[in-house]
Amino acid sequence: MSNKRDLKRNVNYVCSELFSEVVAASMYSDKVSDEDVKALLASILVIHNDYVRRVSHVEPGMKPKVFFKNLTTSFNKQVSEIVDQLVSLG
């Protein structure tokens, strides 16, 4: 299991890459609406803030190994949903 610092770095890296991809898609595509871009950017920021905070505080009564496994799987699921939305933007 990696430590909390590595998990936070991974969350920061993935969210920053997603953010830059959405910005690039909005700049280079004519058919992307501003509302969709703003909604995606806002959801990326919410995901980033949520997971960075959750890494720091293990839920009481839950084993740390189980908590971090659930945390990474839910993060990966939300990232894949953002990627799907980005692909659908065009």
PDB file of N, CA and C in Angstrom:
ATOM      1  N   MET A   1       0.853  -1.181   0.000  1.00  0.00           N
ATOM      2  CA  MET A   1       0.000   0.000   0.000  1.00  0.00           C
ATOM      3  C   MET A   1       0.889   1.231   0.000  1.00  0.00           C
ATOM      4  N   SER A   2       0.575   2.148  -0.828  1.00  0.00           N
ATOM      5  CA  SER A   2       1.354   3.381  -0.859  1.00  0.00           C
ATOM      6  C   SER A   2       0.925   4.288   0.298  1.00  0.00           C
ATOM      7  N   ASN A   3       1.759   5.260   0.566  1.00  0.00           N
ATOM      8  CA  ASN A   3       1.436   6.136   1.691  1.00  0.00           C
ATOM      9  C   ASN A   3       0.497   7.267   1.250  1.00  0.00           C
ATOM     10  N   LYS A   4       0.065   8.040   2.222  1.00  0.00           N
ATOM     11  CA  LYS A   4      -0.908   9.100   1.956  1.00  0.00           C
ATOM     12  C   LYS A   4      -0.355  10.152   1.009  1.00  0.00           C
ATOM     13  N   ARG A   5       0.922  10.450   1.132  1.00  0.00           N
ATOM     14  CA  ARG A   5       1.534  11.456   0.271  1.00  0.00           C
ATOM     15  C   ARG A   5       1.467  11.030  -1.197  1.00  0.00           C
ATOM     16  N   ASP A   6       1.763   9.759  -1.455  1.00  0.00           N
ATOM     17  CA  ASP A   6       1.693   9.267  -2.828  1.00  0.00           C
ATOM     18  C   ASP A   6       0.262   9.284  -3.365  1.00  0.00           C
ATOM     19  N   LEU A   7      -0.688   8.925  -2.522  1.00  0.00           N
ATOM     20  CA  LEU A   7      -2.084   8.968  -2.959  1.00  0.00           C
ATOM     21  C   LEU A   7      -2.516  10.393  -3.300  1.00  0.00           C
ATOM     22  N   LYS A   8      -2.119  11.347  -2.469  1.00  0.00           N
ATOM     23  CA  LYS A   8      -2.459  12.746  -2.746  1.00  0.00           C
ATOM     24  C   LYS A   8      -1.783  13.226  -4.025  1.00  0.00           C
ATOM     25  N   ARG A   9      -0.554  12.815  -4.250  1.00  0.00           N
ATOM     26  CA  ARG A   9       0.136  13.191  -5.492  1.00  0.00           C
ATOM     27  C   ARG A   9      -0.576  12.616  -6.703  1.00  0.00           C
ATOM     28  N   ASN A  10      -1.020  11.369  -6.592  1.00  0.00           N
ATOM     29  CA  ASN A  10      -1.734  10.757  -7.708  1.00  0.00           C
ATOM     30  C   ASN A  10      -3.056  11.464  -7.981  1.00  0.00           C
ATOM     31  N   VAL A  11      -3.774  11.811  -6.921  1.00  0.00           N
ATOM     32  CA  VAL A  11      -5.036  12.540  -7.097  1.00  0.00           C
ATOM     33  C   VAL A  11      -4.766  13.899  -7.743  1.00  0.00           C
ATOM     34  N   ASN A  12      -3.751  14.599  -7.269  1.00  0.00           N
ATOM     35  CA  ASN A  12      -3.401  15.899  -7.848  1.00  0.00           C
ATOM     36  C   ASN A  12      -3.024  15.771  -9.310  1.00  0.00           C
ATOM     37  N   TYR A  13      -2.223  14.758  -9.627  1.00  0.00           N
ATOM     38  CA  TYR A  13      -1.768  14.573 -11.004  1.00  0.00           C
ATOM     39  C   TYR A  13      -2.937  14.253 -11.932  1.00  0.00           C
ATOM     40  N   VAL A  14      -3.759  13.301 -11.548  1.00  0.00           N
ATOM     41  CA  VAL A  14      -4.869  12.891 -12.402  1.00  0.00           C
ATOM     42  C   VAL A  14      -5.850  14.044 -12.607  1.00  0.00           C
ATOM     43  N   CYS A  15      -6.161  14.756 -11.542  1.00  0.00           N
ATOM     44  CA  CYS A  15      -7.112  15.868 -11.660  1.00  0.00           C
ATOM     45  C   CYS A  15      -6.548  17.012 -12.494  1.00  0.00           C
ATOM     46  N   SER A  16      -5.254  17.283 -12.350  1.00  0.00           N
ATOM     47  CA  SER A  16      -4.667  18.354 -13.164  1.00  0.00           C
ATOM     48  C   SER A  16      -4.628  17.964 -14.636  1.00  0.00           C
ATOM     49  N   GLU A  17      -4.369  16.697 -14.931  1.00  0.00           N
ATOM     50  CA  GLU A  17      -4.380  16.251 -16.325  1.00  0.00           C
ATOM     51  C   GLU A  17      -5.788  16.308 -16.912  1.00  0.00           C
ATOM     52  N   LEU A  18      -6.777  15.898 -16.132  1.00  0.00           N
ATOM     53  CA  LEU A  18      -8.158  15.993 -16.600  1.00  0.00           C
ATOM     54  C   LEU A  18      -8.556  17.444 -16.855  1.00  0.00           C
ATOM     55  N   PHE A  19      -8.159  18.313 -15.930  1.00  0.00           N
ATOM     56  CA  PHE A  19      -8.474  19.735 -16.058  1.00  0.00           C
ATOM     57  C   PHE A  19      -7.870  20.296 -17.347  1.00  0.00           C
ATOM     58  N   SER A  20      -6.615  19.971 -17.617  1.00  0.00           N
ATOM     59  CA  SER A  20      -5.962  20.492 -18.820  1.00  0.00           C
ATOM     60  C   SER A  20      -6.569  19.903 -20.086  1.00  0.00           C
ATOM     61  N   GLU A  21      -7.012  18.658 -20.037  1.00  0.00           N
ATOM     62  CA  GLU A  21      -7.662  18.066 -21.208  1.00  0.00           C
ATOM     63  C   GLU A  21      -8.992  18.742 -21.515  1.00  0.00           C
ATOM     64  N   VAL A  22      -9.745  19.069 -20.480  1.00  0.00           N
ATOM     65  CA  VAL A  22     -11.024  19.758 -20.687  1.00  0.00           C
ATOM     66  C   VAL A  22     -10.778  21.155 -21.247  1.00  0.00           C
ATOM     67  N   VAL A  23      -9.779  21.847 -20.730  1.00  0.00           N
ATOM     68  CA  VAL A  23      -9.460  23.184 -21.244  1.00  0.00           C
ATOM     69  C   VAL A  23      -9.011  23.098 -22.695  1.00  0.00           C
ATOM     70  N   ALA A  24      -8.186  22.118 -23.012  1.00  0.00           N
ATOM     71  CA  ALA A  24      -7.729  21.945 -24.392  1.00  0.00           C
ATOM     72  C   ALA A  24      -8.898  21.611 -25.320  1.00  0.00           C
ATOM     73  N   ALA A  25      -9.790  20.760 -24.864  1.00  0.00           N
ATOM     74  CA  ALA A  25     -10.954  20.410 -25.687  1.00  0.00           C
ATOM     75  C   ALA A  25     -11.837  21.629 -25.933  1.00  0.00           C
ATOM     76  N   SER A  26     -11.949  22.488 -24.925  1.00  0.00           N
ATOM     77  CA  SER A  26     -12.789  23.677 -25.106  1.00  0.00           C
ATOM     78  C   SER A  26     -12.135  24.676 -26.050  1.00  0.00           C
ATOM     79  N   MET A  27     -10.817  24.723 -26.073  1.00  0.00           N
ATOM     80  CA  MET A  27     -10.130  25.684 -26.930  1.00  0.00           C
ATOM     81  C   MET A  27     -10.066  25.226 -28.386  1.00  0.00           C
ATOM     82  N   TYR A  28      -9.933  23.922 -28.596  1.00  0.00           N
ATOM     83  CA  TYR A  28      -9.699  23.431 -29.950  1.00  0.00           C
ATOM     84  C   TYR A  28     -10.933  22.871 -30.636  1.00  0.00           C
ATOM     85  N   SER A  29     -12.050  22.853 -29.960  1.00  0.00           N
ATOM     86  CA  SER A  29     -13.268  22.356 -30.575  1.00  0.00           C
ATOM     87  C   SER A  29     -14.306  23.473 -30.615  1.00  0.00           C
ATOM     88  N   ASP A  30     -14.931  23.617 -31.765  1.00  0.00           N
ATOM     89  CA  ASP A  30     -15.927  24.677 -31.935  1.00  0.00           C
ATOM     90  C   ASP A  30     -17.302  24.276 -31.414  1.00  0.00           C
ATOM     91  N   LYS A  31     -17.555  22.982 -31.339  1.00  0.00           N
ATOM     92  CA  LYS A  31     -18.899  22.534 -30.993  1.00  0.00           C
ATOM     93  C   LYS A  31     -19.109  22.258 -29.503  1.00  0.00           C
ATOM     94  N   VAL A  32     -18.180  22.665 -28.654  1.00  0.00           N
ATOM     95  CA  VAL A  32     -18.296  22.456 -27.212  1.00  0.00           C
ATOM     96  C   VAL A  32     -18.947  23.683 -26.581  1.00  0.00           C
ATOM     97  N   SER A  33     -19.991  23.443 -25.797  1.00  0.00           N
ATOM     98  CA  SER A  33     -20.675  24.567 -25.156  1.00  0.00           C
ATOM     99  C   SER A  33     -19.951  24.952 -23.866  1.00  0.00           C
ATOM    100  N   ASP A  34     -20.050  26.220 -23.533  1.00  0.00           N
ATOM    101  CA  ASP A  34     -19.385  26.729 -22.332  1.00  0.00           C
ATOM    102  C   ASP A  34     -19.971  26.129 -21.054  1.00  0.00           C
ATOM    103  N   GLU A  35     -21.271  25.860 -21.061  1.00  0.00           N
ATOM    104  CA  GLU A  35     -21.901  25.286 -19.873  1.00  0.00           C
ATOM    105  C   GLU A  35     -21.363  23.893 -19.576  1.00  0.00           C
ATOM    106  N   ASP A  36     -21.171  23.089 -20.631  1.00  0.00           N
ATOM    107  CA  ASP A  36     -20.630  21.743 -20.446  1.00  0.00           C
ATOM    108  C   ASP A  36     -19.201  21.793 -19.915  1.00  0.00           C
ATOM    109  N   VAL A  37     -18.414  22.713 -20.445  1.00  0.00           N
ATOM    110  CA  VAL A  37     -17.028  22.845 -20.005  1.00  0.00           C
ATOM    111  C   VAL A  37     -16.972  23.286 -18.553  1.00  0.00           C
ATOM    112  N   LYS A  38     -17.783  24.268 -18.206  1.00  0.00           N
ATOM    113  CA  LYS A  38     -17.788  24.743 -16.820  1.00  0.00           C
ATOM    114  C   LYS A  38     -18.262  23.657 -15.857  1.00  0.00           C
ATOM    115  N   ALA A  39     -19.236  22.874 -16.271  1.00  0.00           N
ATOM    116  CA  ALA A  39     -19.729  21.791 -15.418  1.00  0.00           C
ATOM    117  C   ALA A  39     -18.662  20.723 -15.213  1.00  0.00           C
ATOM    118  N   LEU A  40     -17.945  20.375 -16.280  1.00  0.00           N
ATOM    119  CA  LEU A  40     -16.867  19.382 -16.152  1.00  0.00           C
ATOM    120  C   LEU A  40     -15.740  19.900 -15.272  1.00  0.00           C
ATOM    121  N   LEU A  41     -15.347  21.146 -15.468  1.00  0.00           N
ATOM    122  CA  LEU A  41     -14.279  21.717 -14.652  1.00  0.00           C
ATOM    123  C   LEU A  41     -14.675  21.779 -13.179  1.00  0.00           C
ATOM    124  N   ALA A  42     -15.918  22.146 -12.925  1.00  0.00           N
ATOM    125  CA  ALA A  42     -16.386  22.198 -11.545  1.00  0.00           C
ATOM    126  C   ALA A  42     -16.417  20.812 -10.912  1.00  0.00           C
ATOM    127  N   SER A  43     -16.835  19.810 -11.683  1.00  0.00           N
ATOM    128  CA  SER A  43     -16.866  18.453 -11.125  1.00  0.00           C
ATOM    129  C   SER A  43     -15.466  17.916 -10.868  1.00  0.00           C
ATOM    130  N   ILE A  44     -14.502  18.290 -11.700  1.00  0.00           N
ATOM    131  CA  ILE A  44     -13.109  17.878 -11.462  1.00  0.00           C
ATOM    132  C   ILE A  44     -12.593  18.506 -10.177  1.00  0.00           C
ATOM    133  N   LEU A  45     -12.898  19.774  -9.967  1.00  0.00           N
ATOM    134  CA  LEU A  45     -12.462  20.439  -8.736  1.00  0.00           C
ATOM    135  C   LEU A  45     -13.108  19.833  -7.495  1.00  0.00           C
ATOM    136  N   VAL A  46     -14.372  19.478  -7.607  1.00  0.00           N
ATOM    137  CA  VAL A  46     -15.064  18.854  -6.481  1.00  0.00           C
ATOM    138  C   VAL A  46     -14.454  17.493  -6.166  1.00  0.00           C
ATOM    139  N   ILE A  47     -14.189  16.713  -7.198  1.00  0.00           N
ATOM    140  CA  ILE A  47     -13.563  15.402  -7.001  1.00  0.00           C
ATOM    141  C   ILE A  47     -12.194  15.568  -6.360  1.00  0.00           C
ATOM    142  N   HIS A  48     -11.414  16.514  -6.849  1.00  0.00           N
ATOM    143  CA  HIS A  48     -10.078  16.747  -6.301  1.00  0.00           C
ATOM    144  C   HIS A  48     -10.144  17.087  -4.822  1.00  0.00           C
ATOM    145  N   ASN A  49     -10.957  18.058  -4.484  1.00  0.00           N
ATOM    146  CA  ASN A  49     -11.060  18.477  -3.086  1.00  0.00           C
ATOM    147  C   ASN A  49     -11.572  17.358  -2.190  1.00  0.00           C
ATOM    148  N   ASP A  50     -12.556  16.630  -2.670  1.00  0.00           N
ATOM    149  CA  ASP A  50     -13.131  15.549  -1.878  1.00  0.00           C
ATOM    150  C   ASP A  50     -12.106  14.453  -1.583  1.00  0.00           C
ATOM    151  N   TYR A  51     -11.389  14.020  -2.581  1.00  0.00           N
ATOM    152  CA  TYR A  51     -10.477  12.888  -2.383  1.00  0.00           C
ATOM    153  C   TYR A  51      -9.207  13.284  -1.651  1.00  0.00           C
ATOM    154  N   VAL A  52      -8.727  14.495  -1.835  1.00  0.00           N
ATOM    155  CA  VAL A  52      -7.558  14.925  -1.064  1.00  0.00           C
ATOM    156  C   VAL A  52      -7.913  14.980   0.418  1.00  0.00           C
ATOM    157  N   ARG A  53      -9.104  15.440   0.720  1.00  0.00           N
ATOM    158  CA  ARG A  53      -9.535  15.482   2.126  1.00  0.00           C
ATOM    159  C   ARG A  53      -9.761  14.091   2.686  1.00  0.00           C
ATOM    160  N   ARG A  54     -10.343  13.219   1.889  1.00  0.00           N
ATOM    161  CA  ARG A  54     -10.639  11.874   2.372  1.00  0.00           C
ATOM    162  C   ARG A  54      -9.385  11.043   2.598  1.00  0.00           C
ATOM    163  N   VAL A  55      -8.315  11.317   1.861  1.00  0.00           N
ATOM    164  CA  VAL A  55      -7.062  10.582   2.066  1.00  0.00           C
ATOM    165  C   VAL A  55      -6.527  10.856   3.457  1.00  0.00           C
ATOM    166  N   SER A  56      -6.701  12.057   3.943  1.00  0.00           N
ATOM    167  CA  SER A  56      -6.138  12.443   5.234  1.00  0.00           C
ATOM    168  C   SER A  56      -6.876  11.848   6.427  1.00  0.00           C
ATOM    169  N   HIS A  57      -8.133  11.485   6.245  1.00  0.00           N
ATOM    170  CA  HIS A  57      -8.939  11.050   7.388  1.00  0.00           C
ATOM    171  C   HIS A  57      -9.599   9.713   7.105  1.00  0.00           C
ATOM    172  N   VAL A  58      -9.067   8.671   7.724  1.00  0.00           N
ATOM    173  CA  VAL A  58      -9.654   7.348   7.593  1.00  0.00           C
ATOM    174  C   VAL A  58     -10.956   7.314   8.385  1.00  0.00           C
ATOM    175  N   GLU A  59     -11.974   6.695   7.815  1.00  0.00           N
ATOM    176  CA  GLU A  59     -13.262   6.613   8.492  1.00  0.00           C
ATOM    177  C   GLU A  59     -13.133   5.767   9.756  1.00  0.00           C
ATOM    178  N   PRO A  60     -13.707   6.234  10.850  1.00  0.00           N
ATOM    179  CA  PRO A  60     -13.620   5.471  12.095  1.00  0.00           C
ATOM    180  C   PRO A  60     -14.337   4.125  11.980  1.00  0.00           C
ATOM    181  N   GLY A  61     -13.737   3.110  12.574  1.00  0.00           N
ATOM    182  CA  GLY A  61     -14.324   1.785  12.561  1.00  0.00           C
ATOM    183  C   GLY A  61     -14.034   0.988  11.316  1.00  0.00           C
ATOM    184  N   MET A  62     -13.286   1.549  10.403  1.00  0.00           N
ATOM    185  CA  MET A  62     -12.963   0.869   9.158  1.00  0.00           C
ATOM    186  C   MET A  62     -11.465   0.606   9.117  1.00  0.00           C
ATOM    187  N   LYS A  63     -11.079  -0.571   8.681  1.00  0.00           N
ATOM    188  CA  LYS A  63      -9.658  -0.872   8.581  1.00  0.00           C
ATOM    189  C   LYS A  63      -9.046   0.003   7.494  1.00  0.00           C
ATOM    190  N   PRO A  64      -7.843   0.524   7.741  1.00  0.00           N
ATOM    191  CA  PRO A  64      -7.222   1.424   6.761  1.00  0.00           C
ATOM    192  C   PRO A  64      -7.038   0.787   5.383  1.00  0.00           C
ATOM    193  N   LYS A  65      -6.669  -0.474   5.336  1.00  0.00           N
ATOM    194  CA  LYS A  65      -6.454  -1.129   4.048  1.00  0.00           C
ATOM    195  C   LYS A  65      -7.744  -1.179   3.231  1.00  0.00           C
ATOM    196  N   VAL A  66      -8.845  -1.495   3.876  1.00  0.00           N
ATOM    197  CA  VAL A  66     -10.141  -1.547   3.207  1.00  0.00           C
ATOM    198  C   VAL A  66     -10.570  -0.137   2.787  1.00  0.00           C
ATOM    199  N   PHE A  67     -10.340   0.840   3.668  1.00  0.00           N
ATOM    200  CA  PHE A  67     -10.719   2.218   3.368  1.00  0.00           C
ATOM    201  C   PHE A  67      -9.994   2.729   2.130  1.00  0.00           C
ATOM    202  N   PHE A  68      -8.680   2.526   2.065  1.00  0.00           N
ATOM    203  CA  PHE A  68      -7.923   3.048   0.934  1.00  0.00           C
ATOM    204  C   PHE A  68      -8.214   2.286  -0.350  1.00  0.00           C
ATOM    205  N   LYS A  69      -8.540   1.009  -0.234  1.00  0.00           N
ATOM    206  CA  LYS A  69      -8.923   0.262  -1.428  1.00  0.00           C
ATOM    207  C   LYS A  69     -10.244   0.793  -1.973  1.00  0.00           C
ATOM    208  N   ASN A  70     -11.217   1.017  -1.083  1.00  0.00           N
ATOM    209  CA  ASN A  70     -12.499   1.591  -1.513  1.00  0.00           C
ATOM    210  C   ASN A  70     -12.325   3.002  -2.061  1.00  0.00           C
ATOM    211  N   LEU A  71     -11.427   3.764  -1.448  1.00  0.00           N
ATOM    212  CA  LEU A  71     -11.158   5.130  -1.891  1.00  0.00           C
ATOM    213  C   LEU A  71     -10.601   5.147  -3.310  1.00  0.00           C
ATOM    214  N   THR A  72      -9.628   4.290  -3.587  1.00  0.00           N
ATOM    215  CA  THR A  72      -9.026   4.278  -4.920  1.00  0.00           C
ATOM    216  C   THR A  72      -9.997   3.754  -5.974  1.00  0.00           C
ATOM    217  N   THR A  73     -10.800   2.751  -5.635  1.00  0.00           N
ATOM    218  CA  THR A  73     -11.746   2.255  -6.628  1.00  0.00           C
ATOM    219  C   THR A  73     -12.833   3.289  -6.936  1.00  0.00           C
ATOM    220  N   SER A  74     -13.310   4.000  -5.921  1.00  0.00           N
ATOM    221  CA  SER A  74     -14.323   5.021  -6.194  1.00  0.00           C
ATOM    222  C   SER A  74     -13.722   6.207  -6.947  1.00  0.00           C
ATOM    223  N   PHE A  75     -12.465   6.553  -6.647  1.00  0.00           N
ATOM    224  CA  PHE A  75     -11.801   7.630  -7.386  1.00  0.00           C
ATOM    225  C   PHE A  75     -11.642   7.241  -8.857  1.00  0.00           C
ATOM    226  N   ASN A  76     -11.188   6.022  -9.103  1.00  0.00           N
ATOM    227  CA  ASN A  76     -11.014   5.561 -10.479  1.00  0.00           C
ATOM    228  C   ASN A  76     -12.345   5.527 -11.227  1.00  0.00           C
ATOM    229  N   LYS A  77     -13.412   5.162 -10.538  1.00  0.00           N
ATOM    230  CA  LYS A  77     -14.733   5.142 -11.161  1.00  0.00           C
ATOM    231  C   LYS A  77     -15.167   6.552 -11.558  1.00  0.00           C
ATOM    232  N   GLN A  78     -14.972   7.515 -10.664  1.00  0.00           N
ATOM    233  CA  GLN A  78     -15.369   8.887 -10.980  1.00  0.00           C
ATOM    234  C   GLN A  78     -14.498   9.485 -12.075  1.00  0.00           C
ATOM    235  N   VAL A  79     -13.223   9.141 -12.088  1.00  0.00           N
ATOM    236  CA  VAL A  79     -12.339   9.633 -13.147  1.00  0.00           C
ATOM    237  C   VAL A  79     -12.766   9.059 -14.492  1.00  0.00           C
ATOM    238  N   SER A  80     -13.130   7.794 -14.535  1.00  0.00           N
ATOM    239  CA  SER A  80     -13.564   7.210 -15.803  1.00  0.00           C
ATOM    240  C   SER A  80     -14.871   7.843 -16.287  1.00  0.00           C
ATOM    241  N   GLU A  81     -15.745   8.235 -15.355  1.00  0.00           N
ATOM    242  CA  GLU A  81     -16.965   8.937 -15.750  1.00  0.00           C
ATOM    243  C   GLU A  81     -16.641  10.306 -16.345  1.00  0.00           C
ATOM    244  N   ILE A  82     -15.681  11.000 -15.762  1.00  0.00           N
ATOM    245  CA  ILE A  82     -15.261  12.307 -16.300  1.00  0.00           C
ATOM    246  C   ILE A  82     -14.649  12.126 -17.694  1.00  0.00           C
ATOM    247  N   VAL A  83     -13.852  11.090 -17.857  1.00  0.00           N
ATOM    248  CA  VAL A  83     -13.235  10.831 -19.161  1.00  0.00           C
ATOM    249  C   VAL A  83     -14.317  10.526 -20.195  1.00  0.00           C
ATOM    250  N   ASP A  84     -15.310   9.755 -19.821  1.00  0.00           N
ATOM    251  CA  ASP A  84     -16.424   9.476 -20.745  1.00  0.00           C
ATOM    252  C   ASP A  84     -17.157  10.746 -21.135  1.00  0.00           C
ATOM    253  N   GLN A  85     -17.369  11.636 -20.173  1.00  0.00           N
ATOM    254  CA  GLN A  85     -18.018  12.914 -20.482  1.00  0.00           C
ATOM    255  C   GLN A  85     -17.141  13.765 -21.380  1.00  0.00           C
ATOM    256  N   LEU A  86     -15.846  13.711 -21.181  1.00  0.00           N
ATOM    257  CA  LEU A  86     -14.920  14.471 -22.014  1.00  0.00           C
ATOM    258  C   LEU A  86     -14.928  13.946 -23.453  1.00  0.00           C
ATOM    259  N   VAL A  87     -14.974  12.647 -23.599  1.00  0.00           N
ATOM    260  CA  VAL A  87     -15.019  12.051 -24.933  1.00  0.00           C
ATOM    261  C   VAL A  87     -16.326  12.421 -25.630  1.00  0.00           C
ATOM    262  N   SER A  88     -17.396  12.465 -24.887  1.00  0.00           N
ATOM    263  CA  SER A  88     -18.688  12.790 -25.502  1.00  0.00           C
ATOM    264  C   SER A  88     -18.781  14.269 -25.900  1.00  0.00           C
ATOM    265  N   LEU A  89     -17.910  15.108 -25.324  1.00  0.00           N
ATOM    266  CA  LEU A  89     -17.907  16.516 -25.726  1.00  0.00           C
ATOM    267  C   LEU A  89     -17.538  16.681 -27.188  1.00  0.00           C
ATOM    268  N   GLY A  90     -16.659  15.827 -27.636  1.00  0.00           N
ATOM    269  CA  GLY A  90     -16.302  15.860 -29.042  1.00  0.00           C
ATOM    270  C   GLY A  90     -14.982  16.408 -29.239  1.00  0.00           C
TER     271      GLY A  90
END
